[in-house]
Amino acid sequence: MNASELLKRNLENLNDRIRRACSRAGRARESIRVVAVTKYVDAETVRELVALGVRDLGENRLKVAAPKLEALRDLPIRWHWIGTLQTNKVRKALEFFETIHSVDRLSLIEALERGYSEKRPEGTESKLPVYLQVNVSGEASKAGVSQEEAPRLVERLRESTQLECLGLMTMAPYSEDPENARPAFAGLRELRDRTAKELGTELPRLSMGMTDDFEVAIEEGATDLRIGRLLYEGLLD
């Protein structure tokens, strides 16, 4: 089985599992967006993915990814930044990435506003889509604002003329049992619902769930899944 056939098989398996999870949760498959994480693979593999209909791709290592992203500029890709973003790398990131999933501090909000104001086409009122990353689990190793800080930064993003807060993002603690991720995912959804109600705003999207726990994330309301290893089974062995 060649690389294209392996990718097709893995993508079909992923979509089947997503459909079954949606069915259990009473949700439509169309409510889920898969962001394919491509840090594991080269540009040619990405081209194969795009040929199979994948358009939303994610990276989290700017220096390593930049040559690959440059080589793929001819493709209709929507690039998502899914890693920690240093403020001094914002302008470089905005050369490639259309959505930022990891806004986690005021200084980054301000840097993104400055960077996007320089990039935004003159005469338009477009905004850069972002997610506020929340450390729901409280793990010291995890990035993200605390649940207590989140409403204040959502309110700050609401005031921005450059950024649009689509919703919240989190990373669950790693566990061999996907069920152990459920409290983090449920916690993010509850925080989203509570914050939206308190601020009188809409936060329609939840970026949560990866290869090991995405089905639980769907059951708890995820709209954006960040999937990597599952797509490349048989290619990286």
Protein backbone atom coordinates (compact mmCIF):
# COMPACT_ATOMS: atom_id res chain seq x y z
CA MET A 1 0.00 0.00 0.00
CA ASN A 2 1.55 3.32 -1.07
CA ALA A 3 1.51 6.59 0.89
CA SER A 4 -1.62 7.92 -0.82
CA GLU A 5 -3.53 4.71 -0.14
CA LEU A 6 -2.43 4.68 3.50
CA LEU A 7 -3.51 8.28 3.99
CA LYS A 8 -6.87 7.58 2.34
CA ARG A 9 -7.44 4.55 4.57
CA ASN A 10 -6.50 6.46 7.71
CA LEU A 11 -8.68 9.42 6.77
CA GLU A 12 -11.64 7.14 6.12
CA ASN A 13 -11.09 5.45 9.50
CA LEU A 14 -10.95 8.83 11.22
CA ASN A 15 -14.12 10.04 9.52
CA ASP A 16 -15.93 6.83 10.40
CA ARG A 17 -14.99 7.21 14.07
CA ILE A 18 -16.06 10.87 14.02
CA ARG A 19 -19.43 9.93 12.51
CA ARG A 20 -20.01 7.28 15.17
CA ALA A 21 -19.05 9.67 17.98
CA CYS A 22 -21.38 12.31 16.54
CA SER A 23 -24.17 9.77 16.36
CA ARG A 24 -23.72 8.91 20.04
CA ALA A 25 -23.77 12.60 20.95
CA GLY A 26 -26.72 13.49 18.70
CA ARG A 27 -24.59 15.82 16.61
CA ALA A 28 -24.14 16.35 12.89
CA ARG A 29 -20.82 15.31 11.32
CA GLU A 30 -20.74 18.74 9.67
CA SER A 31 -20.34 20.37 13.10
CA ILE A 32 -16.81 18.96 13.39
CA ARG A 33 -13.72 20.40 11.73
CA VAL A 34 -10.56 18.32 11.57
CA VAL A 35 -7.30 20.25 11.76
CA ALA A 36 -4.69 17.82 10.44
CA VAL A 37 -1.44 18.31 12.33
CA THR A 38 1.39 18.07 9.80
CA LYS A 39 4.49 18.51 11.95
CA TYR A 40 5.22 14.80 11.50
CA VAL A 41 5.37 14.79 7.70
CA ASP A 42 7.02 16.44 4.72
CA ALA A 43 5.57 18.69 2.04
CA GLU A 44 4.85 15.84 -0.38
CA THR A 45 2.75 14.04 2.21
CA VAL A 46 0.85 17.26 2.84
CA ARG A 47 0.15 17.49 -0.89
CA GLU A 48 -1.32 13.99 -0.75
CA LEU A 49 -3.55 15.04 2.17
CA VAL A 50 -4.78 18.10 0.30
CA ALA A 51 -5.49 15.97 -2.76
CA LEU A 52 -7.75 13.87 -0.51
CA GLY A 53 -9.75 16.96 0.40
CA VAL A 54 -8.07 18.06 3.64
CA ARG A 55 -7.84 21.85 3.77
CA ASP A 56 -7.36 22.74 7.46
CA LEU A 57 -3.81 21.99 8.58
CA GLY A 58 -1.98 22.76 11.81
CA GLU A 59 1.63 23.34 12.85
CA ASN A 60 3.30 24.28 16.13
CA ARG A 61 6.99 24.74 15.31
CA LEU A 62 7.47 27.87 13.24
CA LYS A 63 11.19 27.64 12.43
CA VAL A 64 10.92 24.00 11.35
CA ALA A 65 7.63 24.45 9.49
CA ALA A 66 8.40 27.67 7.59
CA PRO A 67 10.25 26.07 4.62
CA LYS A 68 7.47 23.49 4.22
CA LEU A 69 4.76 26.14 4.39
CA GLU A 70 6.62 28.25 1.85
CA ALA A 71 6.81 25.28 -0.51
CA LEU A 72 3.05 24.74 -0.22
CA ARG A 73 1.86 28.28 -0.91
CA ASP A 74 0.31 27.15 -4.19
CA LEU A 75 -2.23 24.93 -2.42
CA PRO A 76 -5.65 25.97 -1.00
CA ILE A 77 -4.65 25.38 2.63
CA ARG A 78 -6.04 27.10 5.72
CA TRP A 79 -3.14 27.02 8.19
CA HIS A 80 -3.89 26.89 11.92
CA TRP A 81 -1.26 27.73 14.52
CA ILE A 82 -1.74 25.28 17.40
CA GLY A 83 1.37 25.74 19.56
CA THR A 84 2.73 28.25 22.01
CA LEU A 85 3.45 31.48 20.15
CA GLN A 86 6.21 33.84 21.25
CA THR A 87 5.38 37.51 20.80
CA ASN A 88 8.54 38.11 18.78
CA LYS A 89 7.43 35.43 16.28
CA VAL A 90 3.98 36.89 15.65
CA ARG A 91 4.76 38.75 12.43
CA LYS A 92 6.43 35.68 10.94
CA ALA A 93 3.50 33.47 11.99
CA LEU A 94 1.01 35.82 10.36
CA GLU A 95 2.77 35.37 7.02
CA PHE A 96 1.30 31.85 6.93
CA PHE A 97 -1.33 31.21 9.56
CA GLU A 98 -4.97 32.28 9.24
CA THR A 99 -6.17 31.13 12.66
CA ILE A 100 -4.42 31.08 16.05
CA HIS A 101 -5.59 28.45 18.54
CA SER A 102 -3.30 29.34 21.43
CA VAL A 103 -3.87 32.90 22.65
CA ASP A 104 -2.90 32.67 26.30
CA ARG A 105 -1.86 36.10 27.58
CA LEU A 106 -2.51 39.80 27.17
CA SER A 107 0.91 40.51 25.67
CA LEU A 108 0.20 38.03 22.87
CA ILE A 109 -3.18 39.64 22.18
CA GLU A 110 -1.47 43.01 21.83
CA ALA A 111 1.29 41.60 19.60
CA LEU A 112 -1.27 39.91 17.35
CA GLU A 113 -3.23 43.14 17.08
CA ARG A 114 -0.12 45.04 16.02
CA GLY A 115 0.91 42.32 13.57
CA TYR A 116 -2.52 41.91 12.02
CA SER A 117 -3.05 45.66 11.68
CA GLU A 118 0.02 45.71 9.40
CA LYS A 119 -1.16 42.66 7.44
CA ARG A 120 -4.88 43.41 7.06
CA PRO A 121 -5.78 44.65 3.58
CA GLU A 122 -6.34 48.39 3.60
CA GLY A 123 -9.97 49.41 3.58
CA THR A 124 -11.26 46.12 5.04
CA GLU A 125 -12.57 45.33 8.50
CA SER A 126 -11.57 41.68 8.54
CA LYS A 127 -10.42 40.19 11.84
CA LEU A 128 -7.96 37.44 12.69
CA PRO A 129 -9.79 34.38 14.11
CA VAL A 130 -8.35 33.26 17.44
CA TYR A 131 -9.12 30.91 20.32
CA LEU A 132 -8.35 31.64 23.95
CA GLN A 133 -6.35 28.74 25.38
CA VAL A 134 -7.45 27.72 28.88
CA ASN A 135 -5.55 25.44 31.23
CA VAL A 136 -8.62 23.61 32.53
CA SER A 137 -6.68 20.79 34.18
CA GLY A 138 -4.42 23.14 36.15
CA GLU A 139 -1.30 21.18 35.21
CA ALA A 140 1.87 23.25 35.53
CA SER A 141 3.17 21.76 32.27
CA LYS A 142 0.17 23.00 30.29
CA ALA A 143 -0.06 26.44 28.70
CA GLY A 144 -3.20 28.53 28.92
CA VAL A 145 -4.94 31.00 31.17
CA SER A 146 -6.73 29.87 34.30
CA GLN A 147 -10.49 29.43 34.30
CA GLU A 148 -10.71 32.47 36.57
CA GLU A 149 -8.74 34.65 34.12
CA ALA A 150 -10.56 33.50 31.00
CA PRO A 151 -13.63 35.79 31.12
CA ARG A 152 -11.45 38.89 31.47
CA LEU A 153 -9.43 38.00 28.36
CA VAL A 154 -12.53 37.04 26.41
CA GLU A 155 -13.89 40.48 27.23
CA ARG A 156 -10.61 42.03 26.09
CA LEU A 157 -10.84 40.12 22.79
CA ARG A 158 -14.43 41.30 22.32
CA GLU A 159 -13.15 44.87 22.38
CA SER A 160 -10.47 44.21 19.76
CA THR A 161 -10.83 45.73 16.32
CA GLN A 162 -8.25 43.28 14.94
CA LEU A 163 -9.05 39.90 16.52
CA GLU A 164 -12.18 37.74 16.61
CA CYS A 165 -12.49 35.25 19.46
CA LEU A 166 -14.15 32.14 17.99
CA GLY A 167 -14.12 30.26 21.26
CA LEU A 168 -11.89 28.39 23.68
CA MET A 169 -9.13 25.81 23.37
CA THR A 170 -7.64 23.32 25.83
CA MET A 171 -5.34 20.32 26.05
CA ALA A 172 -6.43 17.48 28.30
CA PRO A 173 -3.96 15.65 30.55
CA TYR A 174 -2.38 12.69 28.78
CA SER A 175 -3.78 9.31 29.78
CA GLU A 176 -4.02 5.87 28.21
CA ASP A 177 -7.72 5.97 29.06
CA PRO A 178 -9.56 8.59 26.95
CA GLU A 179 -12.26 8.83 29.62
CA ASN A 180 -9.77 10.60 31.86
CA ALA A 181 -9.88 13.54 29.43
CA ARG A 182 -13.63 13.99 29.86
CA PRO A 183 -13.51 16.32 32.91
CA ALA A 184 -11.21 18.75 31.07
CA PHE A 185 -13.40 18.79 27.97
CA ALA A 186 -16.61 19.13 29.96
CA GLY A 187 -14.97 21.86 32.02
CA LEU A 188 -14.07 23.86 28.91
CA ARG A 189 -17.58 23.55 27.53
CA GLU A 190 -19.10 24.65 30.84
CA LEU A 191 -16.68 27.57 31.06
CA ARG A 192 -17.55 28.58 27.50
CA ASP A 193 -21.29 28.45 28.20
CA ARG A 194 -20.96 30.37 31.43
CA THR A 195 -18.66 33.04 29.98
CA ALA A 196 -20.82 33.55 26.89
CA LYS A 197 -23.90 34.00 29.06
CA GLU A 198 -22.22 36.37 31.51
CA LEU A 199 -20.73 38.54 28.75
CA GLY A 200 -23.70 38.35 26.42
CA THR A 201 -21.54 37.12 23.56
CA GLU A 202 -21.17 34.10 21.31
CA LEU A 203 -18.26 31.68 21.57
CA PRO A 204 -19.35 29.06 19.07
CA ARG A 205 -16.24 26.92 18.80
CA LEU A 206 -14.29 24.59 21.11
CA SER A 207 -10.85 23.46 19.97
CA MET A 208 -10.20 20.28 21.93
CA GLY A 209 -9.46 16.63 21.28
CA MET A 210 -6.48 14.91 19.68
CA THR A 211 -5.66 11.42 18.41
CA ASP A 212 -5.99 9.71 21.78
CA ASP A 213 -9.18 11.36 23.03
CA PHE A 214 -11.07 13.02 20.17
CA GLU A 215 -14.18 10.85 20.47
CA VAL A 216 -14.69 11.91 24.08
CA ALA A 217 -14.08 15.52 23.00
CA ILE A 218 -16.85 15.23 20.40
CA GLU A 219 -19.23 13.88 23.01
CA GLU A 220 -18.42 16.93 25.17
CA GLY A 221 -18.97 19.50 22.42
CA ALA A 222 -15.71 19.87 20.48
CA THR A 223 -15.96 21.61 17.12
CA ASP A 224 -12.26 21.53 16.16
CA LEU A 225 -10.16 18.37 16.50
CA ARG A 226 -6.37 18.55 16.23
CA ILE A 227 -5.42 15.17 14.74
CA GLY A 228 -1.89 14.06 13.88
CA ARG A 229 -0.59 10.55 14.49
CA LEU A 230 -3.81 8.77 13.55
CA LEU A 231 -3.57 10.13 10.01
CA TYR A 232 -0.06 8.75 9.48
CA GLU A 233 -0.34 5.20 10.79
CA GLY A 234 1.79 2.99 8.57
CA LEU A 235 3.74 5.95 7.20
CA LEU A 236 5.93 6.80 10.16
CA ASP A 237 6.81 3.27 11.33
